[in-house]
């Protein structure tokens, strides 16, 4: 029986144990190293993920801020456009106001000139310059112009109207409304004309149209007579408009003689020029004189 070499066995077992310990140690060291590396990478990735989350939140905030900035920019652009539009409108309105002021100055100059030119007639009582219904009015007493109940000018009256026309013809771009006025008293009429304030149609048919049958017609006839004399004085017929108010527009009470005397008058009103009137709606079309109805 062979003798067991215990020393050799011990020596071989020690070598294998050392080798095993070395391998285990190396494995542990390697595991620790890789664990450290993986942990470091995990921490790095966690930091990056955290940064990404922060960046994502910041990106959302930036997008929100960008949307708000775009909205504000659009609002500013809209306000700028409105401001530019308002500025243009204001400039146009300013230009229009300047034109209106120039027209108003021109009208005031014409009024001042008329008052100066008629100073002599005003001083002698042949004429009064007053304001009525917002217009400059030349008022001539009927006693100066016409005999009672007549539409024919007296010689003195004709001279007075011609003198007025000589001044007013210096304003060829102005239009004038010539209005006859009476008191509320009846006047002596030709034979066959009713003495009532309102004649019947049969009365009107029997009396020639050139003879006044009431105060309304008398005032209109007197205005027309004055217009005709003004045209002979050199005024343009297209600038003169005759009208009659009768007793329906008094300036004083008809209950007293002096009031009735003031009411019997001829008024020449200075009409505003077209450019002095407010603009008409754009829907109204200019009348070109064409047919009223389409066939």
Protein backbone atom coordinates (compact mmCIF):
# COMPACT_ATOMS: atom_id res chain seq x y z
CA UNK A 1 0.00 0.00 0.00
CA UNK A 2 1.39 3.26 -1.11
CA UNK A 3 2.10 5.86 1.43
CA UNK A 4 -0.02 9.02 1.15
CA UNK A 5 2.04 12.12 0.83
CA UNK A 6 0.16 14.50 3.13
CA UNK A 7 2.53 17.36 2.55
CA UNK A 8 1.92 17.27 -1.18
CA UNK A 9 -1.79 17.19 -0.66
CA UNK A 10 -1.59 20.14 1.70
CA UNK A 11 0.61 22.02 -0.72
CA UNK A 12 -1.79 21.42 -3.67
CA UNK A 13 -4.82 22.38 -1.63
CA UNK A 14 -3.14 25.63 -0.49
CA UNK A 15 -2.32 26.57 -4.08
CA UNK A 16 -5.87 25.99 -5.25
CA UNK A 17 -7.25 27.87 -2.27
CA UNK A 18 -4.97 30.80 -3.07
CA UNK A 19 -6.01 30.70 -6.70
CA UNK A 20 -9.67 30.59 -5.73
CA UNK A 21 -9.22 33.49 -3.34
CA UNK A 22 -7.40 35.43 -6.02
CA UNK A 23 -10.18 34.80 -8.52
CA UNK A 24 -12.88 35.73 -5.98
CA UNK A 25 -10.97 38.87 -5.02
CA UNK A 26 -10.47 39.81 -8.65
CA UNK A 27 -14.15 39.17 -9.31
CA UNK A 28 -15.12 41.26 -6.33
CA UNK A 29 -12.80 44.07 -7.38
CA UNK A 30 -14.13 43.90 -10.95
CA UNK A 31 -17.69 43.81 -9.68
CA UNK A 32 -17.02 46.76 -7.47
CA UNK A 33 -15.41 48.64 -10.32
CA UNK A 34 -18.23 47.96 -12.74
CA UNK A 35 -20.80 48.72 -10.04
CA UNK A 36 -19.06 52.04 -9.45
CA UNK A 37 -19.00 52.74 -13.17
CA UNK A 38 -22.64 51.81 -13.62
CA UNK A 39 -23.60 53.86 -10.59
CA UNK A 40 -21.67 56.86 -11.90
CA UNK A 41 -23.32 56.47 -15.31
CA UNK A 42 -26.71 56.06 -13.63
CA UNK A 43 -26.13 59.25 -11.66
CA UNK A 44 -25.04 61.00 -14.81
CA UNK A 45 -28.09 59.74 -16.67
CA UNK A 46 -30.30 60.79 -13.74
CA UNK A 47 -28.79 64.26 -13.85
CA UNK A 48 -29.32 64.38 -17.59
CA UNK A 49 -32.90 63.18 -17.20
CA UNK A 50 -33.43 65.85 -14.53
CA UNK A 51 -31.88 68.43 -16.82
CA UNK A 52 -34.08 67.19 -19.65
CA UNK A 53 -37.14 67.50 -17.45
CA UNK A 54 -36.09 71.00 -16.48
CA UNK A 55 -35.40 71.87 -20.10
CA UNK A 56 -38.76 70.42 -21.12
CA UNK A 57 -40.49 72.56 -18.51
CA UNK A 58 -38.47 75.57 -19.61
CA UNK A 59 -39.38 74.81 -23.22
CA UNK A 60 -43.06 74.72 -22.29
CA UNK A 61 -42.67 78.02 -20.48
CA UNK A 62 -40.86 79.49 -23.49
CA UNK A 63 -43.62 78.29 -25.80
CA UNK A 64 -46.23 79.87 -23.53
CA UNK A 65 -44.26 83.12 -23.36
CA UNK A 66 -43.78 83.02 -27.13
CA UNK A 67 -47.52 82.58 -27.67
CA UNK A 68 -48.26 85.48 -25.34
CA UNK A 69 -45.61 87.59 -27.09
CA UNK A 70 -47.14 86.78 -30.50
CA UNK A 71 -50.59 87.72 -29.22
CA UNK A 72 -49.26 90.97 -27.78
CA UNK A 73 -47.42 91.67 -31.03
CA UNK A 74 -50.63 91.13 -33.02
CA UNK A 75 -52.49 93.43 -30.67
CA UNK A 76 -49.82 96.09 -31.12
CA UNK A 77 -49.95 95.66 -34.90
CA UNK A 78 -53.74 96.04 -34.81
CA UNK A 79 -53.50 99.11 -32.60
CA UNK A 80 -50.82 100.53 -34.86
CA UNK A 81 -53.07 100.01 -37.88
CA UNK A 82 -55.97 101.63 -36.06
CA UNK A 83 -53.75 104.47 -34.95
CA UNK A 84 -52.56 104.98 -38.52
CA UNK A 85 -56.16 104.90 -39.73
CA UNK A 86 -57.23 107.36 -37.05
CA UNK A 87 -54.29 109.58 -37.91
CA UNK A 88 -55.32 109.56 -41.56
CA UNK A 89 -58.93 110.30 -40.58
CA UNK A 90 -57.78 113.06 -38.25
CA UNK A 91 -55.69 114.61 -41.01
CA UNK A 92 -58.69 114.47 -43.36
CA UNK A 93 -60.95 115.97 -40.70
CA UNK A 94 -58.39 118.69 -40.05
CA UNK A 95 -58.26 119.50 -43.75
CA UNK A 96 -62.06 119.59 -43.86
CA UNK A 97 -62.17 121.87 -40.83
CA UNK A 98 -59.69 124.18 -42.51
CA UNK A 99 -61.88 124.31 -45.61
CA UNK A 100 -64.96 124.96 -43.46
CA UNK A 101 -63.14 127.71 -41.58
CA UNK A 102 -62.05 129.29 -44.86
CA UNK A 103 -65.66 129.17 -46.10
CA UNK A 104 -66.91 130.61 -42.81
CA UNK A 105 -64.30 133.38 -42.98
CA UNK A 106 -65.34 134.08 -46.56
CA UNK A 107 -69.00 134.29 -45.53
CA UNK A 108 -68.20 136.58 -42.59
CA UNK A 109 -66.19 138.79 -44.92
CA UNK A 110 -69.17 138.96 -47.29
CA UNK A 111 -71.48 139.86 -44.40
CA UNK A 112 -69.11 142.60 -43.20
CA UNK A 113 -68.84 143.96 -46.73
CA UNK A 114 -72.64 143.96 -47.17
CA UNK A 115 -73.09 145.86 -43.91
CA UNK A 116 -70.51 148.44 -44.98
CA UNK A 117 -72.06 148.88 -48.42
CA UNK A 118 -75.54 149.38 -46.98
CA UNK A 119 -74.46 151.75 -44.21
CA UNK A 120 -76.09 154.73 -45.96
CA UNK A 121 -79.43 153.00 -46.49
CA UNK A 122 -79.33 151.73 -42.90
CA UNK A 123 -78.76 155.26 -41.59
CA UNK A 124 -81.69 156.64 -43.60
CA UNK A 125 -84.06 153.89 -42.44
CA UNK A 126 -84.53 152.40 -45.91
CA UNK A 127 -83.06 149.07 -44.87
CA UNK A 128 -82.22 146.99 -41.80
CA UNK A 129 -79.53 144.28 -41.60
CA UNK A 130 -80.61 141.59 -39.13
CA UNK A 131 -80.11 137.90 -38.40
CA UNK A 132 -83.11 135.56 -38.78
CA UNK A 133 -83.14 131.78 -38.69
CA UNK A 134 -79.34 131.79 -38.66
CA UNK A 135 -79.10 133.83 -41.86
CA UNK A 136 -78.12 137.39 -42.77
CA UNK A 137 -81.31 139.20 -43.80
CA UNK A 138 -81.79 142.58 -45.45
CA UNK A 139 -85.20 143.87 -44.36
CA UNK A 140 -86.89 146.61 -46.41
CA UNK A 141 -90.12 148.14 -45.05
CA UNK A 142 -93.03 147.75 -47.46
CA UNK A 143 -94.00 151.39 -46.89
CA UNK A 144 -90.73 152.37 -48.59
CA UNK A 145 -91.39 150.09 -51.57
CA UNK A 146 -95.11 149.63 -52.28
CA UNK A 147 -98.38 151.51 -52.01
CA UNK A 148 -100.93 149.88 -49.70
CA UNK A 149 -102.38 146.66 -51.15
CA UNK A 150 -100.27 146.89 -54.31
CA UNK A 151 -97.48 144.75 -55.75
CA UNK A 152 -96.21 147.59 -57.96
CA UNK A 153 -93.11 149.37 -56.73
CA UNK A 154 -93.25 153.09 -56.14
CA UNK A 155 -90.55 155.23 -57.73
CA UNK A 156 -88.77 155.58 -54.40
CA UNK A 157 -89.12 151.85 -53.86
CA UNK A 158 -87.72 151.02 -57.27
CA UNK A 159 -84.69 153.23 -56.67
CA UNK A 160 -84.13 151.51 -53.33
CA UNK A 161 -84.30 148.01 -54.87
CA UNK A 162 -81.94 149.02 -57.70
CA UNK A 163 -79.50 150.38 -55.11
CA UNK A 164 -79.68 147.08 -53.23
CA UNK A 165 -79.11 145.12 -56.45
CA UNK A 166 -76.08 147.22 -57.34
CA UNK A 167 -74.43 146.05 -54.13
CA UNK A 168 -75.56 142.42 -54.12
CA UNK A 169 -74.44 141.79 -57.71
CA UNK A 170 -70.88 142.07 -56.41
CA UNK A 171 -71.42 138.65 -54.89
CA UNK A 172 -72.13 136.53 -58.00
CA UNK A 173 -71.40 133.24 -56.21
CA UNK A 174 -74.10 133.80 -53.58
CA UNK A 175 -77.80 132.97 -53.75
CA UNK A 176 -80.55 135.07 -52.20
CA UNK A 177 -84.07 134.28 -51.04
CA UNK A 178 -86.46 137.21 -51.52
CA UNK A 179 -89.48 136.83 -49.23
CA UNK A 180 -92.56 139.04 -49.06
CA UNK A 181 -94.35 139.54 -45.71
CA UNK A 182 -97.59 141.28 -44.72
CA UNK A 183 -99.58 141.94 -41.58
CA UNK A 184 -102.81 140.10 -40.85
CA UNK A 185 -105.07 142.92 -41.98
CA UNK A 186 -107.23 142.77 -45.07
CA UNK A 187 -106.58 145.26 -47.87
CA UNK A 188 -108.73 146.93 -50.47
CA UNK A 189 -109.25 144.53 -53.36
CA UNK A 190 -110.60 145.07 -56.86
CA UNK A 191 -114.32 144.82 -57.34
CA UNK A 192 -115.54 141.21 -57.28
CA UNK A 193 -112.91 139.91 -54.88
CA UNK A 194 -114.15 138.56 -51.56
CA UNK A 195 -113.05 140.43 -48.45
CA UNK A 196 -112.43 137.26 -46.46
CA UNK A 197 -108.88 136.23 -45.48
CA UNK A 198 -109.33 132.98 -47.40
CA UNK A 199 -111.14 133.50 -50.74
CA UNK A 200 -113.11 130.71 -52.32
CA UNK A 201 -111.93 128.95 -55.49
CA UNK A 202 -114.65 130.70 -57.47
CA UNK A 203 -113.24 134.08 -56.41
CA UNK A 204 -109.77 133.05 -57.61
CA UNK A 205 -111.16 131.91 -60.93
CA UNK A 206 -112.97 135.20 -61.59
CA UNK A 207 -110.05 137.50 -60.76
CA UNK A 208 -107.01 137.82 -63.07
CA UNK A 209 -103.95 136.07 -61.60
CA UNK A 210 -101.93 139.31 -61.62
CA UNK A 211 -104.25 140.85 -58.99
CA UNK A 212 -103.68 139.74 -55.40
CA UNK A 213 -106.72 138.32 -53.68
CA UNK A 214 -105.16 137.77 -50.24
CA UNK A 215 -102.08 138.61 -48.18
CA UNK A 216 -100.32 135.43 -49.20
CA UNK A 217 -100.57 136.18 -52.88
CA UNK A 218 -99.81 139.86 -52.28
CA UNK A 219 -96.56 138.98 -50.47
CA UNK A 220 -95.56 136.57 -53.26
CA UNK A 221 -96.32 139.10 -56.00
CA UNK A 222 -94.27 141.73 -54.20
CA UNK A 223 -91.31 139.35 -53.86
CA UNK A 224 -91.53 138.53 -57.57
CA UNK A 225 -91.62 142.25 -58.44
CA UNK A 226 -88.46 142.85 -56.38
CA UNK A 227 -86.71 139.88 -58.05
CA UNK A 228 -87.45 141.27 -61.50
CA UNK A 229 -86.05 144.68 -60.59
CA UNK A 230 -82.94 143.07 -59.07
CA UNK A 231 -82.27 141.28 -62.36
CA UNK A 232 -82.50 144.60 -64.22
CA UNK A 233 -79.91 145.91 -61.73
CA UNK A 234 -77.47 143.25 -62.93
CA UNK A 235 -78.06 140.31 -60.57
CA UNK A 236 -78.18 136.77 -61.95
CA UNK A 237 -81.70 135.40 -62.17
CA UNK A 238 -80.49 131.92 -61.16
CA UNK A 239 -79.28 133.37 -57.86
CA UNK A 240 -82.68 134.82 -56.90
CA UNK A 241 -85.56 132.86 -55.37
CA UNK A 242 -88.89 134.67 -54.79
CA UNK A 243 -91.29 133.50 -52.06
CA UNK A 244 -94.24 134.79 -50.07
CA UNK A 245 -95.07 134.23 -46.40
CA UNK A 246 -98.16 136.45 -46.16
CA UNK A 247 -98.94 137.11 -42.49
CA UNK A 248 -97.54 133.74 -41.37
CA UNK A 249 -94.04 134.83 -40.27
CA UNK A 250 -94.44 138.01 -38.20
CA UNK A 251 -91.58 139.68 -36.35
CA UNK A 252 -93.93 141.62 -34.07
CA UNK A 253 -97.48 141.44 -32.77
CA UNK A 254 -100.24 142.43 -35.20
CA UNK A 255 -102.34 143.79 -32.33
CA UNK A 256 -100.65 147.22 -32.52
CA UNK A 257 -100.06 149.55 -35.46
CA UNK A 258 -96.28 149.71 -35.01
CA UNK A 259 -96.11 145.90 -34.90
CA UNK A 260 -98.16 145.59 -38.10
CA UNK A 261 -95.86 148.14 -39.74
CA UNK A 262 -92.79 146.03 -38.88
CA UNK A 263 -94.46 142.91 -40.26
CA UNK A 264 -95.07 144.52 -43.68
CA UNK A 265 -91.65 144.05 -45.23
CA UNK A 266 -89.48 142.47 -47.94
CA UNK A 267 -86.62 140.30 -46.71
CA UNK A 268 -83.57 139.38 -48.77
CA UNK A 269 -81.83 136.45 -47.08
CA UNK A 270 -78.26 135.45 -47.87
CA UNK A 271 -78.40 131.68 -48.47
CA UNK A 272 -75.46 129.47 -47.49
CA UNK A 273 -73.25 128.18 -50.27
CA UNK A 274 -73.25 124.46 -51.02
CA UNK A 275 -69.84 123.98 -49.40
CA UNK A 276 -71.14 125.62 -46.22
CA UNK A 277 -73.83 122.96 -45.76
CA UNK A 278 -73.25 119.59 -44.04
CA UNK A 279 -72.58 116.74 -46.48
CA UNK A 280 -75.53 114.67 -47.67
CA UNK A 281 -75.64 110.86 -47.32
CA UNK A 282 -73.66 109.00 -49.95
CA UNK A 283 -76.82 107.06 -50.85
CA UNK A 284 -78.31 110.19 -52.44
CA UNK A 285 -77.39 110.46 -56.09
CA UNK A 286 -76.81 113.67 -58.02
CA UNK A 287 -79.83 114.65 -60.12
CA UNK A 288 -78.61 114.80 -63.71
CA UNK A 289 -81.96 115.85 -65.12
CA UNK A 290 -82.72 112.43 -66.59
CA UNK A 291 -86.15 110.77 -66.71
CA UNK A 292 -87.79 110.12 -63.38
CA UNK A 293 -89.11 106.68 -64.34
CA UNK A 294 -87.51 103.90 -66.30
CA UNK A 295 -89.46 102.47 -69.20
